[in-house]
């Protein structure tokens, strides 16, 4: 879990750098780190953590101009962040 948190934090930092730095490499690094976080946390059954990973993915995709990936990641984040009814 700690590794996932570190990777999502690094992804956020690279995305912030990408907003001000020239070139696309920081945004690519942000996306790569979001993928690594998803891979590292694939067996952790925590919807809020998975929502956070999806949000990092969405942020990096938006910086790269990938509208389809952004929308897919936002959909995943919403699905994981919404509370589930009891008994289901």
PDB file of N, CA and C in Angstrom:
ATOM      1  N   UNK A   1       0.817  -1.185   0.000  1.00  0.00           N
ATOM      2  CA  UNK A   1       0.000   0.000   0.000  1.00  0.00           C
ATOM      3  C   UNK A   1       0.868   1.259   0.000  1.00  0.00           C
ATOM      4  N   UNK A   2       1.961   1.216   0.730  1.00  0.00           N
ATOM      5  CA  UNK A   2       2.863   2.361   0.775  1.00  0.00           C
ATOM      6  C   UNK A   2       3.440   2.650  -0.613  1.00  0.00           C
ATOM      7  N   UNK A   3       3.802   1.598  -1.337  1.00  0.00           N
ATOM      8  CA  UNK A   3       4.345   1.784  -2.687  1.00  0.00           C
ATOM      9  C   UNK A   3       3.326   2.461  -3.595  1.00  0.00           C
ATOM     10  N   UNK A   4       2.066   2.084  -3.482  1.00  0.00           N
ATOM     11  CA  UNK A   4       1.012   2.693  -4.301  1.00  0.00           C
ATOM     12  C   UNK A   4       0.886   4.173  -3.955  1.00  0.00           C
ATOM     13  N   UNK A   5       0.926   4.500  -2.689  1.00  0.00           N
ATOM     14  CA  UNK A   5       0.818   5.901  -2.281  1.00  0.00           C
ATOM     15  C   UNK A   5       1.999   6.724  -2.790  1.00  0.00           C
ATOM     16  N   UNK A   6       3.180   6.151  -2.729  1.00  0.00           N
ATOM     17  CA  UNK A   6       4.366   6.845  -3.238  1.00  0.00           C
ATOM     18  C   UNK A   6       4.242   7.061  -4.743  1.00  0.00           C
ATOM     19  N   UNK A   7       3.818   6.035  -5.473  1.00  0.00           N
ATOM     20  CA  UNK A   7       3.693   6.153  -6.922  1.00  0.00           C
ATOM     21  C   UNK A   7       2.626   7.171  -7.324  1.00  0.00           C
ATOM     22  N   UNK A   8       1.505   7.200  -6.618  1.00  0.00           N
ATOM     23  CA  UNK A   8       0.475   8.190  -6.954  1.00  0.00           C
ATOM     24  C   UNK A   8       0.962   9.606  -6.623  1.00  0.00           C
ATOM     25  N   UNK A   9       1.707   9.748  -5.549  1.00  0.00           N
ATOM     26  CA  UNK A   9       2.257  11.062  -5.210  1.00  0.00           C
ATOM     27  C   UNK A   9       3.273  11.517  -6.251  1.00  0.00           C
ATOM     28  N   UNK A  10       4.112  10.605  -6.691  1.00  0.00           N
ATOM     29  CA  UNK A  10       5.077  10.945  -7.736  1.00  0.00           C
ATOM     30  C   UNK A  10       4.370  11.310  -9.032  1.00  0.00           C
ATOM     31  N   UNK A  11       3.308  10.584  -9.350  1.00  0.00           N
ATOM     32  CA  UNK A  11       2.537  10.894 -10.548  1.00  0.00           C
ATOM     33  C   UNK A  11       1.966  12.307 -10.465  1.00  0.00           C
ATOM     34  N   UNK A  12       1.436  12.669  -9.315  1.00  0.00           N
ATOM     35  CA  UNK A  12       0.880  14.008  -9.122  1.00  0.00           C
ATOM     36  C   UNK A  12       1.974  15.076  -9.287  1.00  0.00           C
ATOM     37  N   UNK A  13       3.147  14.825  -8.731  1.00  0.00           N
ATOM     38  CA  UNK A  13       4.240  15.791  -8.834  1.00  0.00           C
ATOM     39  C   UNK A  13       4.691  15.964 -10.280  1.00  0.00           C
ATOM     40  N   UNK A  14       4.799  14.872 -11.015  1.00  0.00           N
ATOM     41  CA  UNK A  14       5.184  14.968 -12.425  1.00  0.00           C
ATOM     42  C   UNK A  14       4.116  15.701 -13.228  1.00  0.00           C
ATOM     43  N   UNK A  15       2.858  15.480 -12.902  1.00  0.00           N
ATOM     44  CA  UNK A  15       1.773  16.189 -13.586  1.00  0.00           C
ATOM     45  C   UNK A  15       1.864  17.690 -13.301  1.00  0.00           C
ATOM     46  N   UNK A  16       2.195  18.047 -12.095  1.00  0.00           N
ATOM     47  CA  UNK A  16       2.343  19.465 -11.750  1.00  0.00           C
ATOM     48  C   UNK A  16       3.515  20.080 -12.511  1.00  0.00           C
ATOM     49  N   UNK A  17       4.596  19.358 -12.619  1.00  0.00           N
ATOM     50  CA  UNK A  17       5.748  19.835 -13.401  1.00  0.00           C
ATOM     51  C   UNK A  17       5.343  19.996 -14.860  1.00  0.00           C
ATOM     52  N   UNK A  18       4.553  19.066 -15.378  1.00  0.00           N
ATOM     53  CA  UNK A  18       4.135  19.103 -16.783  1.00  0.00           C
ATOM     54  C   UNK A  18       3.297  20.338 -17.091  1.00  0.00           C
ATOM     55  N   UNK A  19       2.611  20.865 -16.098  1.00  0.00           N
ATOM     56  CA  UNK A  19       1.776  22.050 -16.320  1.00  0.00           C
ATOM     57  C   UNK A  19       2.625  23.295 -16.586  1.00  0.00           C
ATOM     58  N   UNK A  20       3.857  23.311 -16.108  1.00  0.00           N
ATOM     59  CA  UNK A  20       4.691  24.508 -16.239  1.00  0.00           C
ATOM     60  C   UNK A  20       5.925  24.294 -17.107  1.00  0.00           C
ATOM     61  N   UNK A  21       6.344  23.063 -17.290  1.00  0.00           N
ATOM     62  CA  UNK A  21       7.582  22.789 -18.031  1.00  0.00           C
ATOM     63  C   UNK A  21       7.281  22.596 -19.521  1.00  0.00           C
ATOM     64  N   UNK A  22       8.234  22.931 -20.354  1.00  0.00           N
ATOM     65  CA  UNK A  22       8.045  22.663 -21.785  1.00  0.00           C
ATOM     66  C   UNK A  22       8.204  21.165 -22.071  1.00  0.00           C
ATOM     67  N   UNK A  23       7.603  20.716 -23.130  1.00  0.00           N
ATOM     68  CA  UNK A  23       7.724  19.309 -23.520  1.00  0.00           C
ATOM     69  C   UNK A  23       6.670  18.442 -22.864  1.00  0.00           C
ATOM     70  N   UNK A  24       6.611  17.208 -23.353  1.00  0.00           N
ATOM     71  CA  UNK A  24       5.594  16.276 -22.884  1.00  0.00           C
ATOM     72  C   UNK A  24       6.136  15.189 -21.958  1.00  0.00           C
ATOM     73  N   UNK A  25       7.430  15.172 -21.751  1.00  0.00           N
ATOM     74  CA  UNK A  25       8.031  14.097 -20.961  1.00  0.00           C
ATOM     75  C   UNK A  25       7.512  14.033 -19.518  1.00  0.00           C
ATOM     76  N   UNK A  26       7.371  15.149 -18.809  1.00  0.00           N
ATOM     77  CA  UNK A  26       6.821  15.040 -17.448  1.00  0.00           C
ATOM     78  C   UNK A  26       5.404  14.451 -17.432  1.00  0.00           C
ATOM     79  N   UNK A  27       4.593  14.779 -18.422  1.00  0.00           N
ATOM     80  CA  UNK A  27       3.239  14.220 -18.494  1.00  0.00           C
ATOM     81  C   UNK A  27       3.300  12.720 -18.777  1.00  0.00           C
ATOM     82  N   UNK A  28       4.218  12.316 -19.634  1.00  0.00           N
ATOM     83  CA  UNK A  28       4.396  10.877 -19.910  1.00  0.00           C
ATOM     84  C   UNK A  28       4.837  10.138 -18.657  1.00  0.00           C
ATOM     85  N   UNK A  29       5.735  10.764 -17.894  1.00  0.00           N
ATOM     86  CA  UNK A  29       6.184  10.149 -16.647  1.00  0.00           C
ATOM     87  C   UNK A  29       5.031  10.041 -15.655  1.00  0.00           C
ATOM     88  N   UNK A  30       4.179  11.068 -15.597  1.00  0.00           N
ATOM     89  CA  UNK A  30       3.018  11.032 -14.709  1.00  0.00           C
ATOM     90  C   UNK A  30       2.103   9.868 -15.076  1.00  0.00           C
ATOM     91  N   UNK A  31       1.884   9.667 -16.359  1.00  0.00           N
ATOM     92  CA  UNK A  31       1.037   8.569 -16.821  1.00  0.00           C
ATOM     93  C   UNK A  31       1.683   7.221 -16.508  1.00  0.00           C
ATOM     94  N   UNK A  32       2.982   7.106 -16.762  1.00  0.00           N
ATOM     95  CA  UNK A  32       3.693   5.854 -16.475  1.00  0.00           C
ATOM     96  C   UNK A  32       3.611   5.513 -14.985  1.00  0.00           C
ATOM     97  N   UNK A  33       3.778   6.515 -14.136  1.00  0.00           N
ATOM     98  CA  UNK A  33       3.703   6.281 -12.694  1.00  0.00           C
ATOM     99  C   UNK A  33       2.291   5.893 -12.261  1.00  0.00           C
ATOM    100  N   UNK A  34       1.275   6.456 -12.901  1.00  0.00           N
ATOM    101  CA  UNK A  34      -0.102   6.067 -12.591  1.00  0.00           C
ATOM    102  C   UNK A  34      -0.334   4.608 -12.977  1.00  0.00           C
ATOM    103  N   UNK A  35       0.207   4.193 -14.115  1.00  0.00           N
ATOM    104  CA  UNK A  35       0.091   2.786 -14.511  1.00  0.00           C
ATOM    105  C   UNK A  35       0.823   1.880 -13.517  1.00  0.00           C
ATOM    106  N   UNK A  36       2.002   2.301 -13.066  1.00  0.00           N
ATOM    107  CA  UNK A  36       2.745   1.508 -12.086  1.00  0.00           C
ATOM    108  C   UNK A  36       1.973   1.398 -10.773  1.00  0.00           C
ATOM    109  N   UNK A  37       1.339   2.488 -10.359  1.00  0.00           N
ATOM    110  CA  UNK A  37       0.534   2.457  -9.135  1.00  0.00           C
ATOM    111  C   UNK A  37      -0.626   1.483  -9.288  1.00  0.00           C
ATOM    112  N   UNK A  38      -1.270   1.495 -10.451  1.00  0.00           N
ATOM    113  CA  UNK A  38      -2.383   0.574 -10.697  1.00  0.00           C
ATOM    114  C   UNK A  38      -1.895  -0.873 -10.657  1.00  0.00           C
ATOM    115  N   UNK A  39      -0.741  -1.117 -11.239  1.00  0.00           N
ATOM    116  CA  UNK A  39      -0.185  -2.467 -11.243  1.00  0.00           C
ATOM    117  C   UNK A  39       0.188  -2.908  -9.830  1.00  0.00           C
ATOM    118  N   UNK A  40       0.798  -2.021  -9.087  1.00  0.00           N
ATOM    119  CA  UNK A  40       1.217  -2.349  -7.725  1.00  0.00           C
ATOM    120  C   UNK A  40       0.017  -2.590  -6.806  1.00  0.00           C
ATOM    121  N   UNK A  41      -1.068  -1.846  -7.029  1.00  0.00           N
ATOM    122  CA  UNK A  41      -2.225  -1.959  -6.154  1.00  0.00           C
ATOM    123  C   UNK A  41      -3.333  -2.849  -6.668  1.00  0.00           C
ATOM    124  N   UNK A  42      -3.035  -3.659  -7.660  1.00  0.00           N
ATOM    125  CA  UNK A  42      -4.092  -4.467  -8.297  1.00  0.00           C
ATOM    126  C   UNK A  42      -4.767  -5.452  -7.351  1.00  0.00           C
ATOM    127  N   UNK A  43      -4.115  -5.848  -6.274  1.00  0.00           N
ATOM    128  CA  UNK A  43      -4.713  -6.811  -5.342  1.00  0.00           C
ATOM    129  C   UNK A  43      -5.173  -6.168  -4.029  1.00  0.00           C
ATOM    130  N   UNK A  44      -5.116  -4.857  -3.954  1.00  0.00           N
ATOM    131  CA  UNK A  44      -5.539  -4.158  -2.742  1.00  0.00           C
ATOM    132  C   UNK A  44      -7.016  -3.789  -2.899  1.00  0.00           C
ATOM    133  N   UNK A  45      -7.899  -4.372  -2.096  1.00  0.00           N
ATOM    134  CA  UNK A  45      -9.339  -4.141  -2.263  1.00  0.00           C
ATOM    135  C   UNK A  45      -9.817  -2.865  -1.559  1.00  0.00           C
ATOM    136  N   UNK A  46      -9.324  -1.727  -2.011  1.00  0.00           N
ATOM    137  CA  UNK A  46      -9.719  -0.446  -1.421  1.00  0.00           C
ATOM    138  C   UNK A  46     -10.214   0.481  -2.527  1.00  0.00           C
ATOM    139  N   UNK A  47     -11.530   0.595  -2.703  1.00  0.00           N
ATOM    140  CA  UNK A  47     -12.065   1.459  -3.765  1.00  0.00           C
ATOM    141  C   UNK A  47     -11.555   2.902  -3.729  1.00  0.00           C
ATOM    142  N   UNK A  48     -11.400   3.532  -2.549  1.00  0.00           N
ATOM    143  CA  UNK A  48     -10.881   4.911  -2.575  1.00  0.00           C
ATOM    144  C   UNK A  48      -9.458   4.998  -3.141  1.00  0.00           C
ATOM    145  N   UNK A  49      -8.646   3.997  -2.860  1.00  0.00           N
ATOM    146  CA  UNK A  49      -7.291   3.981  -3.399  1.00  0.00           C
ATOM    147  C   UNK A  49      -7.321   3.805  -4.908  1.00  0.00           C
ATOM    148  N   UNK A  50      -8.178   2.933  -5.387  1.00  0.00           N
ATOM    149  CA  UNK A  50      -8.315   2.741  -6.835  1.00  0.00           C
ATOM    150  C   UNK A  50      -8.872   3.981  -7.514  1.00  0.00           C
ATOM    151  N   UNK A  51      -9.753   4.711  -6.822  1.00  0.00           N
ATOM    152  CA  UNK A  51     -10.273   5.968  -7.361  1.00  0.00           C
ATOM    153  C   UNK A  51      -9.146   6.997  -7.481  1.00  0.00           C
ATOM    154  N   UNK A  52      -8.284   7.051  -6.479  1.00  0.00           N
ATOM    155  CA  UNK A  52      -7.149   7.966  -6.520  1.00  0.00           C
ATOM    156  C   UNK A  52      -6.228   7.647  -7.696  1.00  0.00           C
ATOM    157  N   UNK A  53      -5.949   6.377  -7.909  1.00  0.00           N
ATOM    158  CA  UNK A  53      -5.103   5.966  -9.032  1.00  0.00           C
ATOM    159  C   UNK A  53      -5.755   6.385 -10.350  1.00  0.00           C
ATOM    160  N   UNK A  54      -7.045   6.173 -10.466  1.00  0.00           N
ATOM    161  CA  UNK A  54      -7.756   6.560 -11.694  1.00  0.00           C
ATOM    162  C   UNK A  54      -7.699   8.073 -11.901  1.00  0.00           C
ATOM    163  N   UNK A  55      -7.788   8.852 -10.830  1.00  0.00           N
ATOM    164  CA  UNK A  55      -7.690  10.307 -10.958  1.00  0.00           C
ATOM    165  C   UNK A  55      -6.303  10.734 -11.420  1.00  0.00           C
ATOM    166  N   UNK A  56      -5.276  10.072 -10.928  1.00  0.00           N
ATOM    167  CA  UNK A  56      -3.911  10.390 -11.394  1.00  0.00           C
ATOM    168  C   UNK A  56      -3.770  10.055 -12.881  1.00  0.00           C
ATOM    169  N   UNK A  57      -4.354   8.945 -13.281  1.00  0.00           N
ATOM    170  CA  UNK A  57      -4.337   8.554 -14.692  1.00  0.00           C
ATOM    171  C   UNK A  57      -5.066   9.606 -15.530  1.00  0.00           C
ATOM    172  N   UNK A  58      -6.225  10.048 -15.056  1.00  0.00           N
ATOM    173  CA  UNK A  58      -7.011  11.047 -15.786  1.00  0.00           C
ATOM    174  C   UNK A  58      -6.244  12.354 -15.933  1.00  0.00           C
ATOM    175  N   UNK A  59      -5.591  12.766 -14.870  1.00  0.00           N
ATOM    176  CA  UNK A  59      -4.825  14.015 -14.936  1.00  0.00           C
ATOM    177  C   UNK A  59      -3.699  13.952 -15.949  1.00  0.00           C
ATOM    178  N   UNK A  60      -2.984  12.857 -15.958  1.00  0.00           N
ATOM    179  CA  UNK A  60      -1.883  12.705 -16.911  1.00  0.00           C
ATOM    180  C   UNK A  60      -2.412  12.598 -18.340  1.00  0.00           C
ATOM    181  N   UNK A  61      -3.498  11.877 -18.523  1.00  0.00           N
ATOM    182  CA  UNK A  61      -4.082  11.745 -19.866  1.00  0.00           C
ATOM    183  C   UNK A  61      -4.546  13.095 -20.390  1.00  0.00           C
ATOM    184  N   UNK A  62      -5.100  13.914 -19.522  1.00  0.00           N
ATOM    185  CA  UNK A  62      -5.559  15.233 -19.970  1.00  0.00           C
ATOM    186  C   UNK A  62      -4.382  16.112 -20.385  1.00  0.00           C
ATOM    187  N   UNK A  63      -3.274  16.009 -19.674  1.00  0.00           N
ATOM    188  CA  UNK A  63      -2.089  16.784 -20.036  1.00  0.00           C
ATOM    189  C   UNK A  63      -1.523  16.359 -21.386  1.00  0.00           C
ATOM    190  N   UNK A  64      -1.738  15.103 -21.728  1.00  0.00           N
ATOM    191  CA  UNK A  64      -1.268  14.598 -23.023  1.00  0.00           C
ATOM    192  C   UNK A  64      -2.296  14.803 -24.127  1.00  0.00           C
ATOM    193  N   UNK A  65      -3.469  15.305 -23.765  1.00  0.00           N
ATOM    194  CA  UNK A  65      -4.501  15.565 -24.761  1.00  0.00           C
ATOM    195  C   UNK A  65      -5.275  14.341 -25.194  1.00  0.00           C
ATOM    196  N   UNK A  66      -5.241  13.278 -24.401  1.00  0.00           N
ATOM    197  CA  UNK A  66      -5.939  12.037 -24.732  1.00  0.00           C
ATOM    198  C   UNK A  66      -7.332  12.063 -24.090  1.00  0.00           C
ATOM    199  N   UNK A  67      -8.302  12.571 -24.850  1.00  0.00           N
ATOM    200  CA  UNK A  67      -9.656  12.757 -24.319  1.00  0.00           C
ATOM    201  C   UNK A  67     -10.322  11.436 -23.954  1.00  0.00           C
ATOM    202  N   UNK A  68     -10.138  10.415 -24.787  1.00  0.00           N
ATOM    203  CA  UNK A  68     -10.774   9.110 -24.523  1.00  0.00           C
ATOM    204  C   UNK A  68     -10.230   8.485 -23.241  1.00  0.00           C
ATOM    205  N   UNK A  69      -8.918   8.529 -23.052  1.00  0.00           N
ATOM    206  CA  UNK A  69      -8.321   7.962 -21.835  1.00  0.00           C
ATOM    207  C   UNK A  69      -8.739   8.764 -20.617  1.00  0.00           C
ATOM    208  N   UNK A  70      -8.838  10.086 -20.776  1.00  0.00           N
ATOM    209  CA  UNK A  70      -9.287  10.924 -19.668  1.00  0.00           C
ATOM    210  C   UNK A  70     -10.701  10.542 -19.238  1.00  0.00           C
ATOM    211  N   UNK A  71     -11.607  10.438 -20.208  1.00  0.00           N
ATOM    212  CA  UNK A  71     -12.996  10.117 -19.889  1.00  0.00           C
ATOM    213  C   UNK A  71     -13.127   8.726 -19.271  1.00  0.00           C
ATOM    214  N   UNK A  72     -12.358   7.772 -19.768  1.00  0.00           N
ATOM    215  CA  UNK A  72     -12.401   6.420 -19.208  1.00  0.00           C
ATOM    216  C   UNK A  72     -11.909   6.418 -17.768  1.00  0.00           C
ATOM    217  N   UNK A  73     -10.834   7.138 -17.503  1.00  0.00           N
ATOM    218  CA  UNK A  73     -10.280   7.179 -16.140  1.00  0.00           C
ATOM    219  C   UNK A  73     -11.228   7.906 -15.184  1.00  0.00           C
ATOM    220  N   UNK A  74     -11.859   8.965 -15.643  1.00  0.00           N
ATOM    221  CA  UNK A  74     -12.825   9.675 -14.797  1.00  0.00           C
ATOM    222  C   UNK A  74     -14.008   8.760 -14.479  1.00  0.00           C
ATOM    223  N   UNK A  75     -14.448   7.995 -15.470  1.00  0.00           N
ATOM    224  CA  UNK A  75     -15.535   7.037 -15.239  1.00  0.00           C
ATOM    225  C   UNK A  75     -15.160   5.997 -14.193  1.00  0.00           C
ATOM    226  N   UNK A  76     -13.930   5.512 -14.261  1.00  0.00           N
ATOM    227  CA  UNK A  76     -13.458   4.539 -13.266  1.00  0.00           C
ATOM    228  C   UNK A  76     -13.402   5.170 -11.885  1.00  0.00           C
ATOM    229  N   UNK A  77     -12.908   6.389 -11.814  1.00  0.00           N
ATOM    230  CA  UNK A  77     -12.805   7.056 -10.513  1.00  0.00           C
ATOM    231  C   UNK A  77     -14.188   7.275  -9.907  1.00  0.00           C
ATOM    232  N   UNK A  78     -15.143   7.690 -10.720  1.00  0.00           N
ATOM    233  CA  UNK A  78     -16.503   7.902 -10.219  1.00  0.00           C
ATOM    234  C   UNK A  78     -17.119   6.603  -9.734  1.00  0.00           C
ATOM    235  N   UNK A  79     -16.905   5.536 -10.490  1.00  0.00           N
ATOM    236  CA  UNK A  79     -17.482   4.239 -10.119  1.00  0.00           C
ATOM    237  C   UNK A  79     -16.923   3.739  -8.792  1.00  0.00           C
ATOM    238  N   UNK A  80     -15.663   4.012  -8.535  1.00  0.00           N
ATOM    239  CA  UNK A  80     -15.053   3.530  -7.299  1.00  0.00           C
ATOM    240  C   UNK A  80     -15.309   4.457  -6.115  1.00  0.00           C
ATOM    241  N   UNK A  81     -15.566   5.723  -6.391  1.00  0.00           N
ATOM    242  CA  UNK A  81     -15.765   6.688  -5.319  1.00  0.00           C
ATOM    243  C   UNK A  81     -17.210   6.745  -4.834  1.00  0.00           C
ATOM    244  N   UNK A  82     -18.149   6.290  -5.657  1.00  0.00           N
ATOM    245  CA  UNK A  82     -19.554   6.341  -5.263  1.00  0.00           C
ATOM    246  C   UNK A  82     -19.840   5.282  -4.211  1.00  0.00           C
ATOM    247  N   UNK A  83     -20.574   5.674  -3.180  1.00  0.00           N
ATOM    248  CA  UNK A  83     -20.911   4.676  -2.140  1.00  0.00           C
ATOM    249  C   UNK A  83     -21.863   3.631  -2.700  1.00  0.00           C
ATOM    250  N   UNK A  84     -21.666   2.417  -2.260  1.00  0.00           N
ATOM    251  CA  UNK A  84     -22.521   1.323  -2.692  1.00  0.00           C
ATOM    252  C   UNK A  84     -23.643   1.123  -1.688  1.00  0.00           C
ATOM    253  N   UNK A  85     -24.851   0.787  -2.152  1.00  0.00           N
ATOM    254  CA  UNK A  85     -25.934   0.509  -1.216  1.00  0.00           C
ATOM    255  C   UNK A  85     -25.618  -0.724  -0.372  1.00  0.00           C
ATOM    256  N   UNK A  86     -26.115  -0.751   0.838  1.00  0.00           N
ATOM    257  CA  UNK A  86     -25.893  -1.885   1.715  1.00  0.00           C
ATOM    258  C   UNK A  86     -26.602  -3.125   1.169  1.00  0.00           C
ATOM    259  N   UNK A  87     -25.989  -4.263   1.340  1.00  0.00           N
ATOM    260  CA  UNK A  87     -26.585  -5.515   0.920  1.00  0.00           C
ATOM    261  C   UNK A  87     -26.338  -5.899  -0.514  1.00  0.00           C
ATOM    262  N   UNK A  88     -25.470  -5.136  -1.196  1.00  0.00           N
ATOM    263  CA  UNK A  88     -25.162  -5.473  -2.594  1.00  0.00           C
ATOM    264  C   UNK A  88     -23.715  -5.696  -2.804  1.00  0.00           C
TER     265      UNK A  88
END
